[in-house]
Amino acid sequence: VLAAVCLIAILSLIVVQMIARWTGEVFPGAPNY
């Protein structure tokens, strides 16, 4: 279950990073997380 939560976290991080790029914001460390 925790592994599945980590996969959801990866998806969330990628989506948040995409939104941040579209809005001109920076999400530092997203690729590392």
PDB file of all heavy atoms in Angstrom:
ATOM      1  N   VAL A   1       0.845  -1.204   0.000  1.00  0.00           N
ATOM      2  CA  VAL A   1       0.000   0.000   0.000  1.00  0.00           C
ATOM      3  C   VAL A   1       0.879   1.252   0.000  1.00  0.00           C
ATOM      4  O   VAL A   1       0.620   2.211  -0.740  1.00  0.00           O
ATOM      5  CB  VAL A   1      -0.964  -0.008   1.209  1.00  0.00           C
ATOM      6  CG1 VAL A   1      -1.643   1.336   1.381  1.00  0.00           C
ATOM      7  CG2 VAL A   1      -2.003  -1.110   1.047  1.00  0.00           C
ATOM      8  N   LEU A   2       1.934   1.255   0.806  1.00  0.00           N
ATOM      9  CA  LEU A   2       2.847   2.399   0.821  1.00  0.00           C
ATOM     10  C   LEU A   2       3.528   2.590  -0.536  1.00  0.00           C
ATOM     11  O   LEU A   2       3.761   3.723  -0.966  1.00  0.00           O
ATOM     12  CB  LEU A   2       3.887   2.242   1.923  1.00  0.00           C
ATOM     13  CG  LEU A   2       3.394   2.462   3.349  1.00  0.00           C
ATOM     14  CD1 LEU A   2       4.500   2.135   4.354  1.00  0.00           C
ATOM     15  CD2 LEU A   2       2.914   3.891   3.537  1.00  0.00           C
ATOM     16  N   ALA A   3       3.842   1.488  -1.212  1.00  0.00           N
ATOM     17  CA  ALA A   3       4.423   1.586  -2.554  1.00  0.00           C
ATOM     18  C   ALA A   3       3.431   2.252  -3.508  1.00  0.00           C
ATOM     19  O   ALA A   3       3.817   3.102  -4.321  1.00  0.00           O
ATOM     20  CB  ALA A   3       4.819   0.209  -3.066  1.00  0.00           C
ATOM     21  N   ALA A   4       2.156   1.885  -3.389  1.00  0.00           N
ATOM     22  CA  ALA A   4       1.130   2.507  -4.228  1.00  0.00           C
ATOM     23  C   ALA A   4       0.993   3.987  -3.905  1.00  0.00           C
ATOM     24  O   ALA A   4       0.829   4.820  -4.809  1.00  0.00           O
ATOM     25  CB  ALA A   4      -0.207   1.793  -4.039  1.00  0.00           C
ATOM     26  N   VAL A   5       1.086   4.342  -2.636  1.00  0.00           N
ATOM     27  CA  VAL A   5       1.031   5.755  -2.236  1.00  0.00           C
ATOM     28  C   VAL A   5       2.211   6.517  -2.839  1.00  0.00           C
ATOM     29  O   VAL A   5       2.062   7.659  -3.292  1.00  0.00           O
ATOM     30  CB  VAL A   5       1.003   5.893  -0.689  1.00  0.00           C
ATOM     31  CG1 VAL A   5       1.235   7.325  -0.249  1.00  0.00           C
ATOM     32  CG2 VAL A   5      -0.320   5.366  -0.145  1.00  0.00           C
ATOM     33  N   CYS A   6       3.374   5.876  -2.886  1.00  0.00           N
ATOM     34  CA  CYS A   6       4.550   6.508  -3.498  1.00  0.00           C
ATOM     35  C   CYS A   6       4.326   6.750  -4.985  1.00  0.00           C
ATOM     36  O   CYS A   6       4.751   7.782  -5.520  1.00  0.00           O
ATOM     37  CB  CYS A   6       5.797   5.655  -3.284  1.00  0.00           C
ATOM     38  SG  CYS A   6       6.395   5.655  -1.595  1.00  0.00           S
ATOM     39  N   LEU A   7       3.653   5.812  -5.664  1.00  0.00           N
ATOM     40  CA  LEU A   7       3.353   6.018  -7.081  1.00  0.00           C
ATOM     41  C   LEU A   7       2.399   7.188  -7.277  1.00  0.00           C
ATOM     42  O   LEU A   7       2.552   7.982  -8.209  1.00  0.00           O
ATOM     43  CB  LEU A   7       2.771   4.740  -7.688  1.00  0.00           C
ATOM     44  CG  LEU A   7       3.741   3.570  -7.831  1.00  0.00           C
ATOM     45  CD1 LEU A   7       3.013   2.332  -8.340  1.00  0.00           C
ATOM     46  CD2 LEU A   7       4.900   3.923  -8.738  1.00  0.00           C
ATOM     47  N   ILE A   8       1.429   7.315  -6.383  1.00  0.00           N
ATOM     48  CA  ILE A   8       0.511   8.454  -6.443  1.00  0.00           C
ATOM     49  C   ILE A   8       1.276   9.751  -6.165  1.00  0.00           C
ATOM     50  O   ILE A   8       1.021  10.783  -6.793  1.00  0.00           O
ATOM     51  CB  ILE A   8      -0.665   8.261  -5.459  1.00  0.00           C
ATOM     52  CG1 ILE A   8      -1.533   7.096  -5.920  1.00  0.00           C
ATOM     53  CG2 ILE A   8      -1.487   9.532  -5.316  1.00  0.00           C
ATOM     54  CD1 ILE A   8      -2.562   6.628  -4.905  1.00  0.00           C
ATOM     55  N   ALA A   9       2.235   9.687  -5.248  1.00  0.00           N
ATOM     56  CA  ALA A   9       3.060  10.870  -4.954  1.00  0.00           C
ATOM     57  C   ALA A   9       3.875  11.276  -6.176  1.00  0.00           C
ATOM     58  O   ALA A   9       4.013  12.474  -6.462  1.00  0.00           O
ATOM     59  CB  ALA A   9       3.982  10.584  -3.767  1.00  0.00           C
ATOM     60  N   ILE A  10       4.390  10.296  -6.921  1.00  0.00           N
ATOM     61  CA  ILE A  10       5.145  10.612  -8.134  1.00  0.00           C
ATOM     62  C   ILE A  10       4.246  11.333  -9.133  1.00  0.00           C
ATOM     63  O   ILE A  10       4.622  12.365  -9.693  1.00  0.00           O
ATOM     64  CB  ILE A  10       5.729   9.331  -8.776  1.00  0.00           C
ATOM     65  CG1 ILE A  10       6.788   8.716  -7.868  1.00  0.00           C
ATOM     66  CG2 ILE A  10       6.320   9.630 -10.152  1.00  0.00           C
ATOM     67  CD1 ILE A  10       7.195   7.315  -8.272  1.00  0.00           C
ATOM     68  N   LEU A  11       3.053  10.781  -9.341  1.00  0.00           N
ATOM     69  CA  LEU A  11       2.099  11.419 -10.253  1.00  0.00           C
ATOM     70  C   LEU A  11       1.780  12.836  -9.799  1.00  0.00           C
ATOM     71  O   LEU A  11       1.795  13.778 -10.598  1.00  0.00           O
ATOM     72  CB  LEU A  11       0.822  10.587 -10.344  1.00  0.00           C
ATOM     73  CG  LEU A  11      -0.322  11.232 -11.134  1.00  0.00           C
ATOM     74  CD1 LEU A  11       0.040  11.351 -12.599  1.00  0.00           C
ATOM     75  CD2 LEU A  11      -1.600  10.443 -10.943  1.00  0.00           C
ATOM     76  N   SER A  12       1.525  12.999  -8.508  1.00  0.00           N
ATOM     77  CA  SER A  12       1.191  14.326  -7.966  1.00  0.00           C
ATOM     78  C   SER A  12       2.339  15.301  -8.152  1.00  0.00           C
ATOM     79  O   SER A  12       2.130  16.464  -8.541  1.00  0.00           O
ATOM     80  CB  SER A  12       0.843  14.223  -6.484  1.00  0.00           C
ATOM     81  OG  SER A  12      -0.235  13.349  -6.287  1.00  0.00           O
ATOM     82  N   LEU A  13       3.561  14.851  -7.891  1.00  0.00           N
ATOM     83  CA  LEU A  13       4.722  15.722  -8.060  1.00  0.00           C
ATOM     84  C   LEU A  13       4.902  16.148  -9.509  1.00  0.00           C
ATOM     85  O   LEU A  13       5.210  17.312  -9.794  1.00  0.00           O
ATOM     86  CB  LEU A  13       5.993  15.020  -7.563  1.00  0.00           C
ATOM     87  CG  LEU A  13       6.152  14.948  -6.055  1.00  0.00           C
ATOM     88  CD1 LEU A  13       7.205  13.912  -5.680  1.00  0.00           C
ATOM     89  CD2 LEU A  13       6.535  16.316  -5.503  1.00  0.00           C
ATOM     90  N   ILE A  14       4.680  15.232 -10.429  1.00  0.00           N
ATOM     91  CA  ILE A  14       4.820  15.570 -11.846  1.00  0.00           C
ATOM     92  C   ILE A  14       3.752  16.568 -12.261  1.00  0.00           C
ATOM     93  O   ILE A  14       4.041  17.560 -12.942  1.00  0.00           O
ATOM     94  CB  ILE A  14       4.758  14.296 -12.710  1.00  0.00           C
ATOM     95  CG1 ILE A  14       6.020  13.463 -12.474  1.00  0.00           C
ATOM     96  CG2 ILE A  14       4.606  14.630 -14.191  1.00  0.00           C
ATOM     97  CD1 ILE A  14       5.973  12.077 -13.079  1.00  0.00           C
ATOM     98  N   VAL A  15       2.512  16.355 -11.835  1.00  0.00           N
ATOM     99  CA  VAL A  15       1.420  17.278 -12.186  1.00  0.00           C
ATOM    100  C   VAL A  15       1.659  18.657 -11.576  1.00  0.00           C
ATOM    101  O   VAL A  15       1.512  19.683 -12.249  1.00  0.00           O
ATOM    102  CB  VAL A  15       0.050  16.704 -11.742  1.00  0.00           C
ATOM    103  CG1 VAL A  15      -1.045  17.747 -11.835  1.00  0.00           C
ATOM    104  CG2 VAL A  15      -0.291  15.474 -12.563  1.00  0.00           C
ATOM    105  N   VAL A  16       2.061  18.697 -10.298  1.00  0.00           N
ATOM    106  CA  VAL A  16       2.328  19.985  -9.648  1.00  0.00           C
ATOM    107  C   VAL A  16       3.482  20.701 -10.335  1.00  0.00           C
ATOM    108  O   VAL A  16       3.446  21.920 -10.542  1.00  0.00           O
ATOM    109  CB  VAL A  16       2.607  19.786  -8.133  1.00  0.00           C
ATOM    110  CG1 VAL A  16       3.156  21.040  -7.503  1.00  0.00           C
ATOM    111  CG2 VAL A  16       1.340  19.348  -7.423  1.00  0.00           C
ATOM    112  N   GLN A  17       4.500  19.955 -10.732  1.00  0.00           N
ATOM    113  CA  GLN A  17       5.636  20.577 -11.423  1.00  0.00           C
ATOM    114  C   GLN A  17       5.206  21.117 -12.788  1.00  0.00           C
ATOM    115  O   GLN A  17       5.653  22.194 -13.198  1.00  0.00           O
ATOM    116  CB  GLN A  17       6.774  19.576 -11.569  1.00  0.00           C
ATOM    117  CG  GLN A  17       8.042  20.208 -12.082  1.00  0.00           C
ATOM    118  CD  GLN A  17       9.203  19.237 -12.126  1.00  0.00           C
ATOM    119  OE1 GLN A  17       9.014  18.027 -12.059  1.00  0.00           O
ATOM    120  NE2 GLN A  17      10.400  19.761 -12.237  1.00  0.00           N
ATOM    121  N   MET A  18       4.345  20.398 -13.494  1.00  0.00           N
ATOM    122  CA  MET A  18       3.847  20.890 -14.782  1.00  0.00           C
ATOM    123  C   MET A  18       3.049  22.177 -14.598  1.00  0.00           C
ATOM    124  O   MET A  18       3.238  23.148 -15.337  1.00  0.00           O
ATOM    125  CB  MET A  18       2.975  19.824 -15.447  1.00  0.00           C
ATOM    126  CG  MET A  18       3.757  18.657 -15.995  1.00  0.00           C
ATOM    127  SD  MET A  18       2.765  17.246 -16.548  1.00  0.00           S
ATOM    128  CE  MET A  18       1.355  17.956 -17.308  1.00  0.00           C
ATOM    129  N   ILE A  19       2.183  22.184 -13.596  1.00  0.00           N
ATOM    130  CA  ILE A  19       1.377  23.384 -13.331  1.00  0.00           C
ATOM    131  C   ILE A  19       2.282  24.547 -12.938  1.00  0.00           C
ATOM    132  O   ILE A  19       2.072  25.681 -13.379  1.00  0.00           O
ATOM    133  CB  ILE A  19       0.313  23.090 -12.243  1.00  0.00           C
ATOM    134  CG1 ILE A  19      -0.725  22.104 -12.781  1.00  0.00           C
ATOM    135  CG2 ILE A  19      -0.350  24.376 -11.767  1.00  0.00           C
ATOM    136  CD1 ILE A  19      -1.682  21.566 -11.738  1.00  0.00           C
ATOM    137  N   ALA A  20       3.286  24.264 -12.131  1.00  0.00           N
ATOM    138  CA  ALA A  20       4.222  25.320 -11.732  1.00  0.00           C
ATOM    139  C   ALA A  20       4.930  25.905 -12.950  1.00  0.00           C
ATOM    140  O   ALA A  20       5.093  27.132 -13.050  1.00  0.00           O
ATOM    141  CB  ALA A  20       5.236  24.774 -10.731  1.00  0.00           C
ATOM    142  N   ARG A  21       5.334  25.076 -13.873  1.00  0.00           N
ATOM    143  CA  ARG A  21       5.999  25.578 -15.086  1.00  0.00           C
ATOM    144  C   ARG A  21       5.053  26.422 -15.918  1.00  0.00           C
ATOM    145  O   ARG A  21       5.445  27.439 -16.483  1.00  0.00           O
ATOM    146  CB  ARG A  21       6.543  24.420 -15.914  1.00  0.00           C
ATOM    147  CG  ARG A  21       7.802  23.851 -15.363  1.00  0.00           C
ATOM    148  CD  ARG A  21       8.384  22.800 -16.278  1.00  0.00           C
ATOM    149  NE  ARG A  21       9.544  22.182 -15.665  1.00  0.00           N
ATOM    150  CZ  ARG A  21      10.095  21.080 -16.093  1.00  0.00           C
ATOM    151  NH1 ARG A  21       9.598  20.460 -17.139  1.00  0.00           N
ATOM    152  NH2 ARG A  21      11.148  20.578 -15.488  1.00  0.00           N
ATOM    153  N   TRP A  22       3.796  25.976 -16.057  1.00  0.00           N
ATOM    154  CA  TRP A  22       2.826  26.718 -16.863  1.00  0.00           C
ATOM    155  C   TRP A  22       2.529  28.088 -16.264  1.00  0.00           C
ATOM    156  O   TRP A  22       2.208  29.023 -16.971  1.00  0.00           O
ATOM    157  CB  TRP A  22       1.523  25.937 -17.006  1.00  0.00           C
ATOM    158  CG  TRP A  22       1.649  24.681 -17.812  1.00  0.00           C
ATOM    159  CD1 TRP A  22       2.591  24.391 -18.758  1.00  0.00           C
ATOM    160  CD2 TRP A  22       0.801  23.545 -17.744  1.00  0.00           C
ATOM    161  NE1 TRP A  22       2.391  23.138 -19.279  1.00  0.00           N
ATOM    162  CE2 TRP A  22       1.284  22.581 -18.674  1.00  0.00           C
ATOM    163  CE3 TRP A  22      -0.314  23.215 -16.981  1.00  0.00           C
ATOM    164  CZ2 TRP A  22       0.683  21.354 -18.870  1.00  0.00           C
ATOM    165  CZ3 TRP A  22      -0.903  21.981 -17.187  1.00  0.00           C
ATOM    166  CH2 TRP A  22      -0.412  21.068 -18.120  1.00  0.00           C
ATOM    167  N   THR A  23       2.582  28.182 -14.942  1.00  0.00           N
ATOM    168  CA  THR A  23       2.273  29.458 -14.276  1.00  0.00           C
ATOM    169  C   THR A  23       3.516  30.302 -14.023  1.00  0.00           C
ATOM    170  O   THR A  23       3.424  31.367 -13.440  1.00  0.00           O
ATOM    171  CB  THR A  23       1.549  29.205 -12.939  1.00  0.00           C
ATOM    172  OG1 THR A  23       2.386  28.425 -12.092  1.00  0.00           O
ATOM    173  CG2 THR A  23       0.213  28.500 -13.165  1.00  0.00           C
ATOM    174  N   GLY A  24       4.679  29.793 -14.427  1.00  0.00           N
ATOM    175  CA  GLY A  24       5.909  30.558 -14.244  1.00  0.00           C
ATOM    176  C   GLY A  24       6.513  30.427 -12.856  1.00  0.00           C
ATOM    177  O   GLY A  24       7.450  31.154 -12.518  1.00  0.00           O
ATOM    178  N   GLU A  25       5.994  29.543 -12.052  1.00  0.00           N
ATOM    179  CA  GLU A  25       6.526  29.329 -10.707  1.00  0.00           C
ATOM    180  C   GLU A  25       7.616  28.259 -10.737  1.00  0.00           C
ATOM    181  O   GLU A  25       7.791  27.559 -11.731  1.00  0.00           O
ATOM    182  CB  GLU A  25       5.401  28.878  -9.757  1.00  0.00           C
ATOM    183  CG  GLU A  25       4.307  29.903  -9.561  1.00  0.00           C
ATOM    184  CD  GLU A  25       4.790  31.173  -8.894  1.00  0.00           C
ATOM    185  OE1 GLU A  25       5.615  31.089  -7.966  1.00  0.00           O
ATOM    186  OE2 GLU A  25       4.348  32.257  -9.313  1.00  0.00           O
ATOM    187  N   VAL A  26       8.315  28.130  -9.638  1.00  0.00           N
ATOM    188  CA  VAL A  26       9.359  27.120  -9.519  1.00  0.00           C
ATOM    189  C   VAL A  26       9.033  26.231  -8.326  1.00  0.00           C
ATOM    190  O   VAL A  26       8.693  26.721  -7.253  1.00  0.00           O
ATOM    191  CB  VAL A  26      10.747  27.781  -9.313  1.00  0.00           C
ATOM    192  CG1 VAL A  26      11.817  26.727  -9.096  1.00  0.00           C
ATOM    193  CG2 VAL A  26      11.089  28.658 -10.499  1.00  0.00           C
ATOM    194  N   PHE A  27       9.117  24.926  -8.547  1.00  0.00           N
ATOM    195  CA  PHE A  27       8.929  23.967  -7.462  1.00  0.00           C
ATOM    196  C   PHE A  27      10.282  23.293  -7.249  1.00  0.00           C
ATOM    197  O   PHE A  27      10.583  22.270  -7.843  1.00  0.00           O
ATOM    198  CB  PHE A  27       7.853  22.955  -7.847  1.00  0.00           C
ATOM    199  CG  PHE A  27       7.541  21.938  -6.786  1.00  0.00           C
ATOM    200  CD1 PHE A  27       8.059  22.007  -5.500  1.00  0.00           C
ATOM    201  CD2 PHE A  27       6.707  20.876  -7.074  1.00  0.00           C
ATOM    202  CE1 PHE A  27       7.769  21.063  -4.539  1.00  0.00           C
ATOM    203  CE2 PHE A  27       6.403  19.915  -6.115  1.00  0.00           C
ATOM    204  CZ  PHE A  27       6.937  20.014  -4.857  1.00  0.00           C
ATOM    205  N   PRO A  28      11.105  23.883  -6.381  1.00  0.00           N
ATOM    206  CA  PRO A  28      12.468  23.366  -6.217  1.00  0.00           C
ATOM    207  C   PRO A  28      12.485  21.949  -5.623  1.00  0.00           C
ATOM    208  O   PRO A  28      11.766  21.659  -4.682  1.00  0.00           O
ATOM    209  CB  PRO A  28      13.127  24.365  -5.264  1.00  0.00           C
ATOM    210  CG  PRO A  28      12.014  25.070  -4.589  1.00  0.00           C
ATOM    211  CD  PRO A  28      10.825  24.999  -5.492  1.00  0.00           C
ATOM    212  N   GLY A  29      13.294  21.113  -6.216  1.00  0.00           N
ATOM    213  CA  GLY A  29      13.479  19.775  -5.686  1.00  0.00           C
ATOM    214  C   GLY A  29      12.459  18.755  -6.141  1.00  0.00           C
ATOM    215  O   GLY A  29      12.554  17.584  -5.755  1.00  0.00           O
ATOM    216  N   ALA A  30      11.483  19.131  -6.966  1.00  0.00           N
ATOM    217  CA  ALA A  30      10.439  18.185  -7.396  1.00  0.00           C
ATOM    218  C   ALA A  30      11.018  16.951  -8.090  1.00  0.00           C
ATOM    219  O   ALA A  30      10.603  15.833  -7.774  1.00  0.00           O
ATOM    220  CB  ALA A  30       9.413  18.882  -8.279  1.00  0.00           C
ATOM    221  N   PRO A  31      11.967  17.105  -9.006  1.00  0.00           N
ATOM    222  CA  PRO A  31      12.521  15.896  -9.635  1.00  0.00           C
ATOM    223  C   PRO A  31      13.226  14.981  -8.622  1.00  0.00           C
ATOM    224  O   PRO A  31      13.147  13.757  -8.725  1.00  0.00           O
ATOM    225  CB  PRO A  31      13.531  16.434 -10.655  1.00  0.00           C
ATOM    226  CG  PRO A  31      13.116  17.834 -10.917  1.00  0.00           C
ATOM    227  CD  PRO A  31      12.495  18.313  -9.640  1.00  0.00           C
ATOM    228  N   ASN A  32      13.885  15.575  -7.645  1.00  0.00           N
ATOM    229  CA  ASN A  32      14.548  14.763  -6.619  1.00  0.00           C
ATOM    230  C   ASN A  32      13.526  14.016  -5.783  1.00  0.00           C
ATOM    231  O   ASN A  32      13.700  12.824  -5.502  1.00  0.00           O
ATOM    232  CB  ASN A  32      15.419  15.637  -5.712  1.00  0.00           C
ATOM    233  CG  ASN A  32      16.584  16.250  -6.457  1.00  0.00           C
ATOM    234  OD1 ASN A  32      16.814  15.954  -7.620  1.00  0.00           O
ATOM    235  ND2 ASN A  32      17.320  17.108  -5.789  1.00  0.00           N
ATOM    236  N   TYR A  33      12.447  14.695  -5.379  1.00  0.00           N
ATOM    237  CA  TYR A  33      11.418  14.026  -4.580  1.00  0.00           C
ATOM    238  C   TYR A  33      10.741  12.913  -5.377  1.00  0.00           C
ATOM    239  O   TYR A  33      10.429  11.859  -4.827  1.00  0.00           O
ATOM    240  CB  TYR A  33      10.372  15.032  -4.089  1.00  0.00           C
ATOM    241  CG  TYR A  33      10.919  16.023  -3.096  1.00  0.00           C
ATOM    242  CD1 TYR A  33      10.727  17.394  -3.265  1.00  0.00           C
ATOM    243  CD2 TYR A  33      11.637  15.606  -1.983  1.00  0.00           C
ATOM    244  CE1 TYR A  33      11.230  18.306  -2.355  1.00  0.00           C
ATOM    245  CE2 TYR A  33      12.150  16.511  -1.076  1.00  0.00           C
ATOM    246  CZ  TYR A  33      11.943  17.865  -1.266  1.00  0.00           C
ATOM    247  OH  TYR A  33      12.449  18.757  -0.370  1.00  0.00           O
TER     248      TYR A  33
END
